[in-house]
Amino acid sequence: MTQTTETRGPRISALALFRQIAPTCAQEISHQLQRAGLKNSHDLITALTRGLASFARQQDVCLAADFPKTWPEALQMLRATRSEADWERFLPQTVTASQAGARTLAVGASQMIRVLETLRDAAGMSPRVAVALGAWIVTAVVIAHSGPLDADLSLEELAEHL
């Protein structure tokens, strides 16, 4: 998992790092957006996906090509990080909440972009790695929204629309 290199500090596997960071980021951003008025979990997924797609375009990364490769591994690793009951309580948003307007969705997308830019800059990530982390964050939200057993269907559908 860690290796020493010529550079200072240990080298940590991106997968090990993403497994810890993605759910934390997903939960934090979902709470921030809930306070900003985004109450519906479908809208949360829409806003985060739009933000991820915009960030990927800015970074010259093809999300349509990378997301279908990223989410299956993210789903496999993230499913086991929490119990099904914990995933059910993961998001403050609900499916039955009123839908957000275009402005609130734009705020959510902007927040996702800011989170990815901050993580990229703070950790010195390449653009492709930052986009992959964004895909893991979206995957965590989809697991919480659809449940660990049905998330693959939602993620397949999401990948088709990118």
Protein backbone atom coordinates (compact mmCIF):
# COMPACT_ATOMS: atom_id res chain seq x y z
CA MET A 1 0.00 0.00 0.00
CA THR A 2 2.81 2.44 0.74
CA GLN A 3 6.22 2.65 -0.80
CA THR A 4 9.12 4.91 -0.08
CA THR A 5 10.35 6.90 -3.04
CA GLU A 6 13.07 9.35 -3.90
CA THR A 7 10.68 12.12 -2.90
CA ARG A 8 9.86 12.87 0.70
CA GLY A 9 7.04 10.95 2.34
CA PRO A 10 5.30 7.70 1.52
CA ARG A 11 3.49 6.98 -1.73
CA ILE A 12 -0.12 6.02 -1.06
CA SER A 13 -2.29 4.11 -3.49
CA ALA A 14 -4.94 6.34 -5.08
CA LEU A 15 -7.52 3.62 -4.48
CA ALA A 16 -6.77 3.48 -0.76
CA LEU A 17 -6.92 7.26 -0.59
CA PHE A 18 -10.13 7.51 -2.62
CA ARG A 19 -11.81 4.85 -0.48
CA GLN A 20 -11.36 7.10 2.54
CA ILE A 21 -11.77 10.55 0.99
CA ALA A 22 -14.65 10.06 -1.46
CA PRO A 23 -17.38 9.21 1.10
CA THR A 24 -16.23 12.02 3.38
CA CYS A 25 -16.28 14.53 0.51
CA ALA A 26 -19.65 13.24 -0.70
CA GLN A 27 -21.21 13.58 2.72
CA GLU A 28 -19.73 17.02 3.34
CA ILE A 29 -20.78 18.44 -0.03
CA SER A 30 -24.27 16.94 0.31
CA HIS A 31 -24.70 18.68 3.68
CA GLN A 32 -23.39 21.99 2.28
CA LEU A 33 -25.81 21.80 -0.62
CA GLN A 34 -28.71 20.81 1.62
CA ARG A 35 -28.08 23.99 3.63
CA ALA A 36 -28.01 25.90 0.31
CA GLY A 37 -31.48 24.60 -0.54
CA LEU A 38 -30.80 21.45 -2.53
CA LYS A 39 -33.13 18.97 -0.79
CA ASN A 40 -33.81 16.32 -3.47
CA SER A 41 -31.31 13.46 -3.92
CA HIS A 42 -31.95 13.24 -7.68
CA ASP A 43 -31.07 16.93 -7.91
CA LEU A 44 -27.93 16.34 -5.85
CA ILE A 45 -26.73 13.72 -8.32
CA THR A 46 -27.58 16.01 -11.24
CA ALA A 47 -25.71 18.97 -9.73
CA LEU A 48 -22.62 16.97 -8.80
CA THR A 49 -22.51 15.26 -12.19
CA ARG A 50 -22.82 18.60 -13.99
CA GLY A 51 -20.02 20.00 -11.86
CA LEU A 52 -17.84 16.96 -12.52
CA ALA A 53 -18.51 17.17 -16.27
CA SER A 54 -17.65 20.88 -16.32
CA PHE A 55 -14.48 20.31 -14.30
CA ALA A 56 -13.45 17.47 -16.64
CA ARG A 57 -13.98 19.69 -19.71
CA GLN A 58 -11.88 22.45 -18.12
CA GLN A 59 -9.12 19.89 -17.50
CA ASP A 60 -9.33 18.38 -21.02
CA VAL A 61 -10.37 15.00 -19.61
CA CYS A 62 -13.06 13.00 -21.41
CA LEU A 63 -15.55 12.11 -18.68
CA ALA A 64 -17.67 10.07 -21.11
CA ALA A 65 -14.69 7.76 -21.64
CA ASP A 66 -13.33 7.74 -18.08
CA PHE A 67 -16.51 7.49 -15.96
CA PRO A 68 -17.58 4.05 -17.28
CA LYS A 69 -14.11 2.72 -16.41
CA THR A 70 -14.04 4.34 -12.97
CA TRP A 71 -17.41 3.72 -11.36
CA PRO A 72 -17.36 -0.12 -11.27
CA GLU A 73 -14.18 -0.17 -9.19
CA ALA A 74 -15.42 2.69 -7.03
CA LEU A 75 -18.72 0.90 -6.44
CA GLN A 76 -17.01 -2.36 -5.54
CA MET A 77 -14.70 -0.68 -3.02
CA LEU A 78 -17.19 1.82 -1.56
CA ARG A 79 -20.06 -0.63 -1.00
CA ALA A 80 -18.12 -2.28 1.80
CA THR A 81 -17.14 0.93 3.61
CA ARG A 82 -20.54 1.22 5.32
CA SER A 83 -23.48 -0.97 6.22
CA GLU A 84 -26.68 -0.73 4.18
CA ALA A 85 -28.31 1.10 7.10
CA ASP A 86 -25.45 3.61 7.22
CA TRP A 87 -25.79 4.25 3.48
CA GLU A 88 -29.52 4.90 3.99
CA ARG A 89 -28.68 7.66 6.50
CA PHE A 90 -25.73 9.01 4.51
CA LEU A 91 -27.47 11.88 2.69
CA PRO A 92 -29.62 14.64 4.17
CA GLN A 93 -31.43 14.81 0.81
CA THR A 94 -34.41 12.58 0.04
CA VAL A 95 -36.06 11.31 -3.13
CA THR A 96 -39.41 12.83 -2.13
CA ALA A 97 -38.18 16.36 -1.38
CA SER A 98 -39.18 19.19 -3.67
CA GLN A 99 -37.01 19.66 -6.71
CA ALA A 100 -34.51 22.48 -6.95
CA GLY A 101 -34.55 25.28 -9.46
CA ALA A 102 -31.89 25.89 -12.08
CA ARG A 103 -30.04 28.39 -9.86
CA THR A 104 -29.72 25.90 -6.98
CA LEU A 105 -28.48 23.20 -9.37
CA ALA A 106 -25.88 25.66 -10.70
CA VAL A 107 -24.76 26.39 -7.13
CA GLY A 108 -24.35 22.65 -6.58
CA ALA A 109 -22.34 22.22 -9.77
CA SER A 110 -20.11 25.17 -8.83
CA GLN A 111 -19.51 23.71 -5.40
CA MET A 112 -18.42 20.39 -6.93
CA ILE A 113 -15.99 22.24 -9.21
CA ARG A 114 -14.53 24.15 -6.24
CA VAL A 115 -14.12 20.95 -4.22
CA LEU A 116 -12.31 19.20 -7.07
CA GLU A 117 -10.08 22.22 -7.77
CA THR A 118 -9.17 22.44 -4.08
CA LEU A 119 -8.41 18.73 -3.79
CA ARG A 120 -6.41 18.77 -7.04
CA ASP A 121 -4.31 21.73 -5.91
CA ALA A 122 -3.85 20.63 -2.29
CA ALA A 123 -2.81 17.09 -3.18
CA GLY A 124 -0.97 17.91 -6.39
CA MET A 125 -3.23 15.59 -8.38
CA SER A 126 -3.12 15.33 -12.13
CA PRO A 127 -6.34 16.42 -13.86
CA ARG A 128 -7.27 12.82 -14.69
CA VAL A 129 -6.81 11.72 -11.06
CA ALA A 130 -8.93 14.65 -9.83
CA VAL A 131 -11.69 13.69 -12.29
CA ALA A 132 -11.46 10.08 -11.08
CA LEU A 133 -11.88 11.28 -7.49
CA GLY A 134 -14.93 13.24 -8.61
CA ALA A 135 -16.35 10.05 -10.12
CA TRP A 136 -15.79 8.30 -6.77
CA ILE A 137 -17.63 11.14 -4.98
CA VAL A 138 -20.57 10.84 -7.37
CA THR A 139 -20.50 7.05 -6.92
CA ALA A 140 -20.73 7.43 -3.13
CA VAL A 141 -23.76 9.72 -3.53
CA VAL A 142 -25.42 7.27 -5.94
CA ILE A 143 -24.83 4.38 -3.50
CA ALA A 144 -26.53 6.40 -0.76
CA HIS A 145 -29.37 7.40 -3.09
CA SER A 146 -30.06 4.02 -4.72
CA GLY A 147 -28.75 1.67 -2.06
CA PRO A 148 -25.62 -0.50 -2.28
CA LEU A 149 -27.41 -3.29 -4.16
CA ASP A 150 -29.09 -1.16 -6.85
CA ALA A 151 -26.43 1.52 -7.36
CA ASP A 152 -24.92 -0.25 -10.36
CA LEU A 153 -28.12 0.25 -12.36
CA SER A 154 -28.18 3.96 -11.55
CA LEU A 155 -24.49 4.34 -12.37
CA GLU A 156 -24.88 2.54 -15.70
CA GLU A 157 -27.72 4.90 -16.60
CA LEU A 158 -25.70 7.91 -15.49
CA ALA A 159 -22.70 6.79 -17.58
CA GLU A 160 -24.92 6.53 -20.67
CA HIS A 161 -25.95 10.18 -20.30
CA LEU A 162 -22.45 11.67 -20.05
